Protein backbone atom coordinates (compact mmCIF):
# COMPACT_ATOMS: atom_id res chain seq x y z
CA MET A 1 19.11 -2.48 -6.07
CA THR A 2 16.93 0.74 -6.90
CA THR A 3 17.84 3.66 -9.02
CA THR A 4 16.82 6.91 -7.42
CA ARG A 5 16.82 10.37 -10.03
CA ARG A 6 16.05 13.40 -9.11
CA ARG A 7 13.59 15.78 -10.79
CA GLY A 8 13.11 13.41 -13.21
CA THR A 9 10.38 10.31 -13.34
CA ALA A 10 10.18 9.14 -9.62
CA LEU A 11 10.72 5.36 -9.52
CA LEU A 12 8.25 4.58 -6.91
CA SER A 13 5.63 1.55 -7.39
CA LEU A 14 2.93 -0.14 -5.39
CA THR A 15 0.94 -3.19 -6.91
CA ALA A 16 -2.26 -2.31 -8.00
CA ALA A 17 -4.91 -3.50 -6.45
CA THR A 18 -7.41 -6.33 -8.37
CA GLY A 19 -10.77 -7.03 -7.34
CA LEU A 20 -13.74 -5.56 -5.51
CA LEU A 21 -14.41 -1.84 -4.43
CA LEU A 22 -13.68 0.75 -1.99
CA GLY A 23 -15.20 3.68 -0.08
CA THR A 24 -12.43 5.43 2.57
CA ALA A 25 -12.64 7.31 5.56
CA ALA A 26 -10.40 9.84 8.00
CA LEU A 27 -9.38 7.47 10.41
CA GLY A 28 -8.63 7.64 14.32
CA THR A 29 -4.66 5.86 14.49
CA GLY A 30 -5.40 5.05 18.18
CA PRO A 31 -4.54 1.44 19.65
CA ALA A 32 -7.71 -0.96 17.94
CA THR A 33 -10.55 -1.69 20.36
CA SER A 34 -10.55 -5.28 21.34
CA ALA A 35 -13.25 -7.47 20.26
CA GLU A 36 -14.57 -10.69 22.08
CA PRO A 37 -13.54 -13.77 19.41
CA ALA A 38 -16.85 -14.32 17.24
CA GLY A 39 -17.92 -17.79 17.79
CA ASP A 40 -18.71 -18.44 13.79
CA CYS A 41 -16.76 -21.22 12.44
CA THR A 42 -19.25 -22.56 9.81
CA PRO A 43 -17.52 -25.76 8.07
CA ALA A 44 -17.39 -25.62 4.23
CA PHE A 45 -20.00 -27.30 1.81
CA PRO A 46 -18.40 -29.62 -0.63
CA VAL A 47 -18.76 -28.05 -3.99
CA SER A 48 -18.45 -32.16 -5.45
CA GLU A 49 -22.04 -32.15 -3.55
CA LEU A 50 -23.95 -29.39 -5.05
CA ALA A 51 -25.98 -29.85 -7.84
CA GLU A 52 -28.19 -27.58 -10.66
CA GLY A 53 -31.08 -25.42 -8.82
CA ASP A 54 -29.91 -26.72 -5.00
CA ALA A 55 -31.01 -23.62 -3.23
CA VAL A 56 -28.66 -21.16 -1.50
CA SER A 57 -28.86 -18.17 1.01
CA GLY A 58 -26.17 -15.87 1.63
CA LEU A 59 -25.36 -12.52 3.59
CA THR A 60 -24.04 -9.39 2.90
CA VAL A 61 -24.49 -5.47 3.81
CA THR A 62 -25.73 -3.18 1.72
CA ARG A 63 -26.02 0.01 4.26
CA GLY A 64 -24.84 0.67 7.63
CA THR A 65 -23.05 -2.75 9.09
CA THR A 66 -25.71 -5.01 9.44
CA PRO A 67 -26.22 -8.13 7.13
CA GLU A 68 -28.77 -8.43 5.26
CA SER A 69 -29.91 -12.06 3.70
CA PHE A 70 -30.41 -13.23 0.00
CA THR A 71 -31.21 -15.83 -1.38
CA GLY A 72 -30.38 -18.38 -5.05
CA GLU A 73 -30.04 -21.38 -6.58
CA VAL A 74 -26.92 -23.00 -7.95
CA ILE A 75 -26.47 -23.21 -11.92
CA GLY A 76 -23.48 -25.36 -11.73
CA VAL A 77 -20.27 -25.99 -10.75
CA TYR A 78 -17.24 -24.65 -13.65
CA ASP A 79 -14.43 -26.77 -13.29
CA ASP A 80 -10.98 -25.29 -12.71
CA GLY A 81 -12.98 -21.82 -13.05
CA ILE A 82 -10.72 -19.54 -10.67
CA GLY A 83 -7.87 -21.99 -11.44
CA PRO A 84 -5.76 -25.75 -11.71
CA ASP A 85 -8.09 -27.47 -9.37
CA LEU A 86 -9.94 -24.85 -8.14
CA ASP A 87 -13.74 -24.84 -9.48
CA MET A 88 -15.98 -21.92 -9.17
CA VAL A 89 -19.41 -22.52 -8.51
CA MET A 90 -22.06 -20.53 -10.17
CA VAL A 91 -25.15 -18.61 -8.08
CA ARG A 92 -28.02 -17.10 -9.41
CA VAL A 93 -28.78 -14.07 -6.95
CA ASP A 94 -32.24 -13.19 -5.91
CA MET A 95 -31.46 -9.64 -4.05
CA PRO A 96 -33.59 -6.15 -4.80
CA GLU A 97 -30.72 -4.77 -4.57
CA VAL A 98 -29.17 -7.33 -6.94
CA ASP A 99 -31.81 -6.56 -9.73
CA LYS A 100 -30.93 -2.62 -9.13
CA ALA A 101 -27.10 -3.01 -9.45
CA GLY A 102 -26.24 -6.59 -10.10
CA ILE A 103 -23.43 -8.39 -8.20
CA TRP A 104 -22.16 -5.18 -6.60
CA GLN A 105 -17.92 -4.18 -5.93
CA GLY A 106 -18.09 -4.53 -2.58
CA MET A 107 -20.08 -7.38 -2.59
CA SER A 108 -16.79 -9.89 -2.72
CA GLY A 109 -16.45 -12.25 0.55
CA SER A 110 -20.00 -12.36 1.12
CA PRO A 111 -20.96 -15.52 2.34
CA VAL A 112 -23.19 -18.24 0.20
CA TYR A 113 -24.53 -20.88 2.26
CA ALA A 114 -26.17 -24.62 1.32
CA ALA A 115 -29.51 -25.29 2.88
CA ASP A 116 -28.04 -27.24 5.55
CA GLY A 117 -26.29 -24.48 6.73
CA ARG A 118 -22.80 -24.98 6.04
CA LEU A 119 -20.74 -22.77 3.81
CA ILE A 120 -20.46 -23.17 0.21
CA GLY A 121 -18.11 -19.97 -0.19
CA ALA A 122 -18.24 -16.60 -1.66
CA VAL A 123 -19.49 -14.14 -3.70
CA ALA A 124 -16.05 -13.32 -5.95
CA TYR A 125 -16.94 -12.48 -9.74
CA GLY A 126 -19.74 -11.26 -11.72
CA LEU A 127 -20.23 -11.80 -15.61
CA ALA A 128 -17.66 -9.83 -18.10
CA PHE A 129 -20.22 -7.64 -19.72
CA GLY A 130 -21.93 -5.92 -16.93
CA PRO A 131 -24.85 -5.57 -14.32
CA SER A 132 -25.88 -9.53 -13.54
CA PRO A 133 -27.65 -11.43 -10.72
CA VAL A 134 -25.28 -14.33 -11.94
CA ALA A 135 -22.29 -14.30 -9.09
CA GLY A 136 -18.71 -16.68 -9.36
CA VAL A 137 -18.39 -18.22 -5.62
CA THR A 138 -15.33 -19.49 -4.53
CA PRO A 139 -15.62 -22.30 -2.57
CA PHE A 140 -14.49 -21.81 0.71
CA ALA A 141 -13.19 -25.26 1.46
CA ASP A 142 -10.36 -23.88 -0.70
CA MET A 143 -10.06 -20.03 0.70
CA ASP A 144 -7.14 -21.00 3.14
CA ASP A 145 -5.51 -23.11 -0.05
CA TYR A 146 -3.74 -20.50 -1.28
CA LEU A 147 -2.16 -20.90 -4.88
CA ALA A 148 0.71 -19.92 -6.65
CA GLU A 149 -1.30 -19.46 -9.94
CA PRO A 150 -1.93 -15.81 -10.83
CA PRO A 151 -5.29 -15.03 -11.12
CA ALA A 152 -6.95 -14.72 -14.59
CA ALA A 153 -8.26 -11.17 -15.70
CA LYS A 154 -11.32 -13.39 -17.36
CA VAL A 155 -12.74 -16.47 -17.18
CA PRO A 156 -13.97 -17.88 -20.37
CA VAL A 157 -17.58 -19.92 -20.10
CA GLY A 158 -18.19 -22.52 -22.61
CA ARG A 159 -21.05 -23.23 -24.70
CA LYS A 160 -22.97 -25.72 -22.15
CA LEU A 161 -22.15 -23.14 -19.31
CA ALA A 162 -23.27 -20.33 -20.97
CA ALA A 163 -26.93 -22.30 -21.92
CA SER A 164 -27.42 -23.20 -18.50
CA ILE A 165 -26.73 -19.16 -17.05
CA ALA A 166 -28.73 -18.31 -20.31
CA ARG A 167 -31.70 -20.98 -18.40
CA SER A 168 -31.53 -19.40 -15.38
CA THR A 169 -30.97 -15.61 -15.99
CA ASP A 170 -32.19 -12.80 -18.38
CA VAL A 171 -28.74 -13.24 -20.16
CA THR A 172 -28.21 -14.50 -23.35
CA PRO A 173 -25.86 -17.28 -24.17
CA ALA A 174 -23.79 -15.21 -26.05
CA GLN A 175 -23.57 -12.29 -23.46
CA ALA A 176 -23.02 -15.13 -20.90
CA ALA A 177 -20.08 -16.99 -23.57
CA GLN A 178 -17.97 -13.27 -22.98
CA GLY A 179 -17.25 -15.13 -19.71
CA LEU A 180 -16.68 -13.95 -15.84
CA ARG A 181 -14.57 -11.42 -14.32
CA GLN A 182 -13.17 -11.36 -10.70
CA LEU A 183 -15.53 -8.05 -9.45
CA PRO A 184 -12.89 -4.92 -9.95
CA MET A 185 -11.13 -3.40 -6.81
CA PRO A 186 -9.04 -0.65 -7.83
CA VAL A 187 -7.70 0.92 -4.41
CA GLY A 188 -9.87 3.63 -2.55
CA VAL A 189 -7.69 6.73 -2.38
CA SER A 190 -9.26 9.05 0.58
CA GLY A 191 -7.80 12.68 1.04
CA VAL A 192 -6.81 13.42 -2.33
CA SER A 193 -8.89 14.64 -4.96
CA ALA A 194 -10.35 13.04 -7.95
CA GLN A 195 -8.38 15.65 -10.64
CA ARG A 196 -4.92 14.43 -8.24
CA VAL A 197 -5.93 10.54 -8.69
CA ALA A 198 -6.64 11.28 -12.35
CA GLY A 199 -3.30 12.76 -12.76
CA THR A 200 -1.52 9.76 -11.47
CA GLU A 201 -3.16 6.89 -13.78
CA ASP A 202 -0.36 6.98 -16.17
CA ARG A 203 2.56 6.92 -13.45
CA PRO A 204 3.82 3.74 -12.85
CA TYR A 205 4.57 3.55 -8.72
CA PHE A 206 0.29 4.94 -8.14
CA PRO A 207 -2.20 2.21 -8.11
CA LYS A 208 -3.80 1.32 -11.51
CA GLY A 209 -7.22 1.86 -11.52
CA ALA A 210 -7.01 4.01 -8.55
CA ARG A 211 -10.36 6.30 -7.64
CA ALA A 212 -10.60 9.17 -5.13
CA VAL A 213 -13.17 8.80 -3.15
CA ALA A 214 -14.80 11.37 -0.01
CA GLY A 215 -14.88 9.60 3.27
CA GLY A 216 -16.04 11.14 6.49
CA SER A 217 -15.10 8.86 9.92
CA ALA A 218 -17.43 5.85 10.97
CA ALA A 219 -17.07 5.55 14.32
CA ALA A 220 -20.06 3.25 14.52
CA ALA A 221 -18.34 0.99 12.69
CA GLY A 222 -16.07 -1.29 15.13
CA PRO A 223 -14.56 -4.53 15.50
CA GLU A 224 -17.97 -6.20 16.10
CA THR A 225 -19.27 -5.24 13.22
CA ILE A 226 -16.92 -8.00 11.41
CA VAL A 227 -19.04 -10.49 11.16
CA PRO A 228 -20.17 -12.94 8.44
CA GLY A 229 -21.52 -10.98 5.71
CA GLY A 230 -20.33 -7.88 7.36
CA ASN A 231 -18.36 -5.22 5.71
CA MET A 232 -14.63 -5.66 5.82
CA ALA A 233 -11.93 -3.80 4.45
CA ALA A 234 -8.30 -3.98 3.57
CA SER A 235 -5.88 -0.77 3.88
CA LEU A 236 -2.06 -0.09 2.50
CA SER A 237 -2.37 3.20 4.25
CA TYR A 238 -5.19 5.20 6.55
CA GLY A 239 -5.22 8.36 8.00
CA ASP A 240 -5.16 11.44 6.10
CA VAL A 241 -4.35 9.38 3.09
CA THR A 242 -6.05 6.10 3.26
CA GLN A 243 -5.48 3.70 0.43
CA ALA A 244 -8.03 0.61 0.92
CA GLY A 245 -10.55 -1.56 -0.71
CA VAL A 246 -13.66 -2.50 0.60
CA GLY A 247 -15.80 -5.85 0.91
CA THR A 248 -17.34 -8.79 2.43
CA ALA A 249 -16.11 -11.17 5.26
CA THR A 250 -16.71 -14.84 4.26
CA SER A 251 -16.12 -16.32 8.16
CA VAL A 252 -14.79 -15.25 11.20
CA CYS A 253 -13.93 -17.84 13.41
CA ASN A 254 -11.83 -16.79 16.58
CA GLY A 255 -10.90 -13.56 15.99
CA ARG A 256 -9.70 -14.94 12.45
CA VAL A 257 -11.06 -13.30 9.70
CA VAL A 258 -11.20 -14.61 5.72
CA GLY A 259 -12.95 -12.49 3.46
CA PHE A 260 -13.22 -11.32 -0.85
CA GLY A 261 -12.79 -14.93 -2.09
CA HIS A 262 -10.10 -13.67 -4.61
CA PRO A 263 -6.80 -10.77 -4.01
CA MET A 264 -6.93 -7.55 -2.95
CA SER A 265 -3.27 -7.05 -4.76
CA PHE A 266 -1.95 -11.07 -4.30
CA GLU A 267 0.94 -9.74 -2.27
CA GLY A 268 1.28 -13.04 -0.47
CA GLU A 269 2.27 -12.84 3.22
CA THR A 270 1.32 -8.95 3.60
CA THR A 271 0.88 -6.39 6.46
CA MET A 272 -2.47 -4.12 5.33
CA SER A 273 -4.21 -2.91 8.27
CA LEU A 274 -7.86 -5.10 9.05
CA HIS A 275 -11.26 -2.53 9.16
CA PRO A 276 -14.28 -2.50 10.03
CA ALA A 277 -16.61 -0.04 7.67
CA SER A 278 -20.03 1.27 7.72
CA ALA A 279 -21.93 1.02 3.90
CA LEU A 280 -23.44 4.29 2.77
CA TYR A 281 -25.41 2.77 -0.49
CA ILE A 282 -24.98 0.85 -3.18
CA GLN A 283 -24.03 2.76 -6.51
CA GLU A 284 -25.76 1.72 -9.24
CA ASP A 285 -23.76 1.95 -12.92
CA PRO A 286 -25.93 1.34 -16.34
CA VAL A 287 -22.29 -0.07 -18.07
CA GLY A 288 -20.63 -2.03 -15.73
CA PRO A 289 -21.49 -3.63 -11.84
CA GLY A 290 -22.71 -1.50 -8.90
CA PHE A 291 -20.81 -0.61 -6.73
CA LYS A 292 -20.51 0.07 -2.81
CA VAL A 293 -19.49 3.39 -0.98
CA ALA A 294 -18.59 3.05 2.58
CA ASN A 295 -16.36 4.76 5.08
CA LEU A 296 -13.92 2.92 6.56
CA GLY A 297 -13.66 2.78 10.90
CA ALA A 298 -9.83 2.83 12.65
CA PRO A 299 -7.78 -0.47 12.34
CA VAL A 300 -9.15 -3.73 14.45
CA GLY A 301 -6.79 -6.40 13.22
CA THR A 302 -4.29 -7.25 10.56
CA VAL A 303 -4.37 -9.00 7.20
CA SER A 304 -1.36 -11.34 6.94
CA GLU A 305 -2.24 -13.08 3.65
CA ASP A 306 -3.08 -11.81 0.55
CA HIS A 307 -3.68 -14.91 -1.90
CA LEU A 308 -5.64 -16.30 -5.16
CA THR A 309 -8.58 -17.19 -3.03
CA GLY A 310 -8.66 -14.20 -0.65
CA ILE A 311 -7.68 -12.35 2.31
CA THR A 312 -6.68 -14.02 5.68
CA GLY A 313 -6.65 -12.13 8.78
CA PHE A 314 -7.42 -11.02 12.61
CA LEU A 315 -8.38 -8.63 15.37
CA GLY A 316 -7.24 -7.52 17.87
CA ARG A 317 -3.06 -6.75 16.86
CA LEU A 318 -1.96 -3.69 14.49
CA PRO A 319 0.44 -4.06 11.85
CA ARG A 320 3.85 -2.24 12.55
CA ALA A 321 3.15 1.48 10.42
CA THR A 322 5.18 3.93 9.13
CA THR A 323 3.99 7.74 10.24
CA ILE A 324 4.11 9.75 6.85
CA ALA A 325 3.37 13.30 8.01
CA ASN A 326 3.74 17.11 6.27
CA THR A 327 3.30 20.35 7.60
CA ALA A 328 2.49 22.81 5.25
CA THR A 329 2.37 26.75 5.18
CA TYR A 330 0.53 29.03 2.71
CA ASP A 331 -0.65 32.51 3.16
CA GLY A 332 -0.52 32.70 7.13
CA ARG A 333 -2.55 29.28 7.60
CA THR A 334 -0.23 26.18 8.74
CA ARG A 335 -2.11 22.35 8.63
CA THR A 336 -0.08 19.03 9.73
CA GLY A 337 -1.59 16.22 8.40
CA THR A 338 -0.63 12.42 9.07
CA SER A 339 -0.79 8.76 7.60
CA LYS A 340 0.62 5.22 8.94
CA ASN A 341 1.26 3.31 6.37
CA THR A 342 1.41 -0.46 6.80
CA VAL A 343 2.54 -1.92 3.38
CA ASP A 344 6.43 -1.31 1.92
CA SER A 345 5.15 -1.30 -1.15
CA ALA A 346 3.10 1.57 -0.80
CA ALA A 347 5.51 3.97 1.31
CA ALA A 348 6.40 6.49 -1.84
CA SER A 349 2.81 6.41 -2.86
CA THR A 350 1.42 7.10 1.19
CA THR A 351 4.54 9.91 1.08
CA TYR A 352 3.09 11.71 -2.21
CA TYR A 353 -0.34 11.59 -1.51
CA GLN A 354 0.13 12.57 1.81
CA VAL A 355 2.27 16.16 0.76
CA ILE A 356 -0.31 16.57 -2.05
CA ALA A 357 -3.67 15.85 0.61
CA ASN A 358 -2.16 18.39 3.45
CA HIS A 359 -0.74 20.90 0.68
CA ASP A 360 -4.48 21.07 -1.34
CA ARG A 361 -6.13 21.58 2.62
CA VAL A 362 -4.09 24.47 2.88
CA VAL A 363 -3.11 26.09 -0.20
CA ASP A 364 -6.32 25.49 -2.04
CA ALA A 365 -5.68 25.71 -5.30
CA ILE A 366 -3.29 24.38 -8.44
CA MET A 367 -1.57 27.43 -8.97
CA PRO A 368 2.32 28.41 -10.10
CA GLY A 369 4.56 29.10 -7.00
CA SER A 370 7.82 28.36 -5.03
CA GLU A 371 8.11 25.97 -2.45
CA THR A 372 10.82 25.67 0.53
CA MET A 373 10.78 22.18 1.82
CA SER A 374 12.17 19.92 4.52
CA TRP A 375 12.37 16.73 5.15
CA LYS A 376 13.33 13.83 7.31
CA VAL A 377 13.30 10.02 7.16
CA THR A 378 14.14 7.79 9.60
CA GLY A 379 14.06 4.16 10.15
CA THR A 380 16.08 1.21 10.88
CA ASP A 381 19.06 -0.16 8.69
CA THR A 382 19.10 -4.02 8.00
CA ASP A 383 21.82 -4.99 11.04
CA GLY A 384 19.35 -3.73 13.45
CA SER A 385 21.03 0.38 13.88
CA ALA A 386 18.74 3.43 13.32
CA PHE A 387 19.78 5.63 11.29
CA SER A 388 18.25 9.14 9.90
CA LEU A 389 18.49 11.34 6.65
CA SER A 390 17.39 15.03 5.95
CA PHE A 391 17.57 17.45 3.17
CA SER A 392 16.23 20.55 2.98
CA ASP A 393 15.39 22.83 -1.20
CA ARG A 394 13.39 24.85 -2.72
CA TYR A 395 10.68 24.21 -5.63
CA ALA A 396 9.42 26.52 -7.90
CA SER A 397 6.96 25.07 -10.63
CA GLU A 398 4.99 27.51 -13.48
CA TYR A 399 1.99 25.72 -13.31
CA ASP A 400 1.67 23.21 -10.13
CA ILE A 401 3.86 23.81 -7.07
CA THR A 402 2.05 21.20 -5.01
CA GLY A 403 2.30 18.20 -7.36
CA ASP A 404 6.02 18.86 -8.14
CA ALA A 405 7.23 18.82 -5.31
CA GLY A 406 6.19 16.16 -3.44
CA TYR A 407 8.60 14.07 -6.08
CA GLU A 408 12.18 14.07 -4.69
CA LEU A 409 11.18 12.77 -1.29
CA ALA A 410 8.17 10.00 -2.73
CA ASP A 411 11.30 8.50 -4.89
CA LEU A 412 13.95 8.58 -2.09
CA VAL A 413 11.30 6.91 0.31
CA TYR A 414 10.94 4.17 -2.57
CA ALA A 415 14.41 3.71 -3.06
CA LEU A 416 14.66 2.69 0.39
CA SER A 417 11.80 0.95 0.76
CA GLN A 418 12.63 -1.72 -1.78
CA ILE A 419 16.02 -2.44 0.29
CA ASP A 420 15.30 -5.88 2.20
CA GLY A 421 15.57 -5.66 6.13
CA VAL A 422 15.07 -1.95 5.93
CA GLU A 423 11.99 -0.65 7.86
CA LEU A 424 11.42 2.72 7.78
CA ASP A 425 9.68 4.68 11.32
CA SER A 426 8.55 8.04 9.97
CA VAL A 427 8.79 10.06 7.07
CA THR A 428 8.04 13.71 8.03
CA SER A 429 7.97 17.05 6.27
CA GLN A 430 7.72 20.64 6.16
CA SER A 431 6.90 22.86 3.46
CA VAL A 432 6.65 26.83 3.31
CA VAL A 433 4.58 27.87 -0.14
CA SER A 434 4.66 31.10 -2.21
CA ASP A 435 3.69 32.60 -4.44
CA ASP A 436 6.60 33.60 -6.44
CA SER A 437 6.96 31.21 -9.08
CA ASP A 438 9.86 33.21 -10.78
CA THR A 439 12.97 31.24 -11.00
CA TYR A 440 16.90 32.14 -12.13
CA ARG A 441 19.25 30.93 -15.29
CA VAL A 442 22.34 31.12 -15.36
CA ARG A 443 23.53 34.02 -17.81
CA SER A 444 27.48 34.01 -17.82
CA ILE A 445 30.68 32.90 -16.23
CA GLN A 446 32.75 35.93 -15.55
CA GLN A 447 36.03 36.62 -13.51
CA ARG A 448 37.72 40.26 -12.32
CA ARG A 449 40.67 41.12 -14.41
CA GLY A 450 42.78 44.70 -13.89
CA GLY A 451 39.33 45.81 -11.66
CA GLU A 452 36.72 45.10 -13.91
CA TRP A 453 34.54 41.71 -14.47
CA VAL A 454 35.09 40.30 -17.82
CA THR A 455 32.38 38.13 -19.15
CA LEU A 456 34.13 35.13 -20.55
CA GLY A 457 33.30 32.98 -23.71
CA LYS A 458 34.08 34.16 -27.16
CA GLY A 459 37.50 33.37 -26.98
CA GLU A 460 38.05 34.84 -23.40
CA ARG A 461 39.30 32.12 -21.40
CA ALA A 462 39.51 31.90 -17.55
CA GLU A 463 43.12 32.26 -16.25
CA ALA A 464 44.29 30.75 -12.85
CA ARG A 465 47.50 30.35 -11.06
CA ALA A 466 48.38 26.98 -9.86
CA GLY A 467 48.21 27.20 -5.89
CA GLY A 468 45.86 30.03 -6.23
CA LYS A 469 42.35 30.76 -6.41
CA LEU A 470 40.35 30.97 -9.72
CA VAL A 471 37.87 33.98 -8.65
CA LEU A 472 34.85 33.63 -10.97
CA ARG A 473 31.39 34.81 -10.54
CA ALA A 474 28.49 33.62 -12.52
CA ALA A 475 25.72 36.51 -14.12
CA LEU A 476 22.17 35.25 -12.91
CA SER A 477 19.20 36.71 -14.96
CA GLY A 478 16.20 36.84 -13.02
CA PRO A 479 12.85 38.84 -12.66
CA GLU A 480 14.74 42.24 -11.12
CA GLY A 481 17.46 42.08 -13.15
CA THR A 482 20.85 40.51 -12.66
CA THR A 483 22.05 38.97 -9.52
CA TYR A 484 25.54 37.51 -9.18
CA VAL A 485 27.18 35.22 -6.94
CA PRO A 486 30.19 34.65 -6.39
CA VAL A 487 32.39 31.03 -7.37
CA THR A 488 35.81 30.85 -5.73
CA MET A 489 37.95 27.68 -6.18
CA ARG A 490 41.16 26.55 -5.24
CA VAL A 491 43.39 25.67 -7.78
CA PRO A 492 46.21 22.83 -7.13
CA ALA A 493 49.42 23.46 -7.58
CA SER A 494 49.97 20.19 -9.42
CA ALA A 495 48.03 22.01 -12.31
CA LYS A 496 50.81 24.01 -13.71
CA GLY A 497 50.35 24.24 -17.39
CA MET A 498 47.33 22.43 -17.30
CA LYS A 499 43.96 23.68 -19.04
CA GLY A 500 40.51 22.38 -19.09
CA GLN A 501 37.15 23.84 -18.34
CA VAL A 502 34.96 25.15 -15.74
CA SER A 503 31.56 24.89 -16.08
CA VAL A 504 28.55 26.39 -13.44
CA GLU A 505 25.94 24.94 -13.58
CA GLY A 506 22.04 25.59 -11.62
CA GLY A 507 20.95 23.37 -8.72
CA GLY A 508 17.83 22.97 -10.76
CA TRP A 509 19.70 21.88 -13.63
CA LEU A 510 21.26 19.56 -12.08
CA TRP A 511 20.72 15.62 -11.69
CA THR A 512 21.98 12.98 -8.73
CA GLY A 513 21.10 9.89 -9.39
CA GLY A 514 23.06 6.47 -8.13
CA THR A 515 21.99 2.97 -7.67
CA ILE A 516 21.11 2.86 -3.97
CA GLY A 517 21.35 -0.98 -2.56
CA SER A 518 21.90 0.05 0.86
CA VAL A 519 21.61 2.84 3.32
CA ALA A 520 24.87 3.16 3.23
CA LYS A 521 24.74 4.17 -0.47
CA ALA A 522 21.07 6.49 0.49
CA GLU A 523 23.60 8.29 2.80
CA ARG A 524 25.75 9.12 0.37
CA VAL A 525 23.44 10.43 -2.43
CA VAL A 526 21.59 12.46 -0.15
CA ALA A 527 25.00 14.36 0.90
CA GLY A 528 26.16 14.80 -2.15
CA MET A 529 22.45 15.99 -3.51
CA VAL A 530 22.85 19.73 -4.31
CA ARG A 531 19.77 22.00 -3.80
CA ASN A 532 18.03 23.35 -6.49
CA ASP A 533 18.70 27.30 -5.38
CA ALA A 534 22.39 26.19 -5.61
CA LEU A 535 25.27 26.42 -8.25
CA GLN A 536 27.92 23.55 -8.66
CA ALA A 537 31.17 24.63 -10.34
CA ASN A 538 32.99 21.80 -11.80
CA LEU A 539 36.47 22.29 -12.71
CA SER A 540 38.19 19.93 -15.08
CA LEU A 541 41.93 20.13 -15.91
CA VAL A 542 44.43 17.89 -18.50
CA LYS A 543 47.32 17.46 -19.29
CA ARG A 544 49.08 14.34 -21.41
CA ARG A 545 47.54 11.65 -18.52
CA LYS A 546 47.55 13.72 -15.51
CA GLU A 547 43.62 14.96 -14.65
CA VAL A 548 42.80 17.39 -12.07
CA GLU A 549 38.65 17.33 -10.98
CA LYS A 550 37.15 19.45 -8.72
CA SER A 551 34.19 20.86 -7.64
CA LYS A 552 32.54 23.22 -5.28
CA VAL A 553 28.99 23.82 -4.67
CA THR A 554 27.99 27.39 -3.74
CA GLY A 555 24.30 29.59 -2.61
CA PRO A 556 21.60 28.83 -1.16
CA THR A 557 20.36 32.14 -3.23
CA ASP A 558 16.90 32.96 -2.96
CA ARG A 559 15.52 31.51 -5.72
CA VAL A 560 15.59 28.26 -8.17
CA VAL A 561 18.37 28.13 -10.89
CA TYR A 562 18.20 26.63 -13.87
CA GLY A 563 20.53 26.41 -16.72
CA ALA A 564 24.50 26.42 -17.45
CA LYS A 565 27.83 28.05 -18.70
CA ARG A 566 31.40 26.03 -19.31
CA VAL A 567 34.17 28.26 -20.31
CA ARG A 568 38.06 27.05 -20.97
CA VAL A 569 40.71 27.98 -18.58
CA VAL A 570 44.23 27.67 -18.68
CA VAL A 571 46.51 27.44 -15.13
CA ARG A 572 49.64 29.18 -15.16
């Protein structure tokens, strides 16, 4: 059950991804290129057979798509370090890039091998205090055993292990005792500027810790580059707006891919798209772990599982996707932008980001203005029947018309995406933006009497005749002076002798809400929505226990209307 409110705080939601970093790109949306199944099916090395000082090797990518080797040695095994009955293997990594940047965000999933070639596990954790060559490795033997316990934000390190880490590295026992932390993986959002992403950080419906990243196409990164130690990415949406995390593949066996060594967003069963990626470079960070900057290629498969010990997917078939598109027109320029959303929990944020991204390319400014937007949402109801919802509205903002216009549609998309069994096929919108940010405000209600219009209130009440029409008009103050809008309502014959009130409210002043738990309820909510540039008149009459309630919508006008007025009324 989800409540939606117009022009209030949107009720969208997206689970924040935790773990490694990202890089994203403008992606193609065509069919996946088929790939020959990779033959690497390296068996797991038993953690119980590891000993301090054992030599290890590994694979990861620092630039492009080709894995590079690194070496290291085992520091020890941390019992239950990741979760109950899930140990963490501590490894000191020796590699030039690690010497400069530490275990970086994006290295998660890098396979670590024993001297005999068997697979120990995946790099997934780094020391909490900052850049360090010490890696926490998730055992590969457990990477298919998905535990229900949530991942710890920080893994404590005991005195004995801290001393062991200090002996093998240049960190002090006190630094090592600060614990190990899962390598951060904020969702990278391409197509939206850093300023736009930063502006959503305090809202509950966008990815927590999201980072805007510039991206370009990565035509060279195809499915054949997803190999052990190669780049891989999991994406909630792709296209104009890509929300993704980039890491490393740990194992590729007959088209089945396992990677990261920790969750993307800990969704369990999921439908993220699986992408290859091409690394540009490893960015050093003197304060925290470095991070990989990369471009994503077009989707080549599906991430079907997202659990404590990593993500699992397969090459070939792509997940079902919702097409989310916006066409924006401003000052003679028009552009249509499109994204594909594959995870229901991200549909609302993808919708909002798509509107923002396309407007920023066309309007190319954060500016005051107004906008008319028409939108349509199509999908399939729980019983398999198709549905279509549509609406048109006008918006105005004295600061940022681009940012303000997208919430209403995103709210509805969120509400629909939370209904079990409902599938969204498309979310399309058309926007026409203007520099004019002026609005109207309801100043007074008038009634025509004796050939003149009389302003009601201050002792003057509206007079109506039972079975007749209540003829009023709303006086709206605007930039050109006063504009008058006729408001006429029929009074029931049964209302004779009743008293009450009549109110006229601007559409921009109204709230339309309700708990949406079904498509049918969503249809009723949309049918009851009043445009921001319209007026709603409400007549409320009472006599003893008898009541009469009526409402009527008038408009639209040529501007958003705010404010409300209320006057007494008597029926003769």
